Amino acid sequence: MHIVGYRNMWVIVMFDLPTDTPKARRDYTEFRKFLLNDGFVMMQYSVYSRHCPSQENADVHTRRIERHIPPDGEVRVFSITDKQFERMRIFWGKVRQPPESAPKQLQFF
């Protein structure tokens, strides 16, 4: 049994932010740039994910997100294990696609 798949986590961020004023668009852009700079990748429009090696690391990134949430709009953040992420069903049209794979660990030796 591979325990690593239950220890590794994915943090998923979904948001719906207003863009009706210049300030709201700026807040949206800053939040999106923050996510990208923090290692998140876009899964779909307004849905970003990040692989984390542990629950503690996922909690760190969740707290960072909480500090950067814009004043208006809705942001949802949740964490799932690597095994749960693998069970995600993705379809492009009627064709099923595999989920994104976890990044490879760095090897120094």
Foldseek 3Di string as FASTA:
>chain_A
DDCQQQFKKKKKKAWDFDDPDPVRVVLVVVLVVVCVVVAWDDPDVRITMHIGRGPVRVVVVVVVSVVSHDPDTDMDIDMGGNVVQQPDWDDDDNDTDGGDDHDDDDDDD
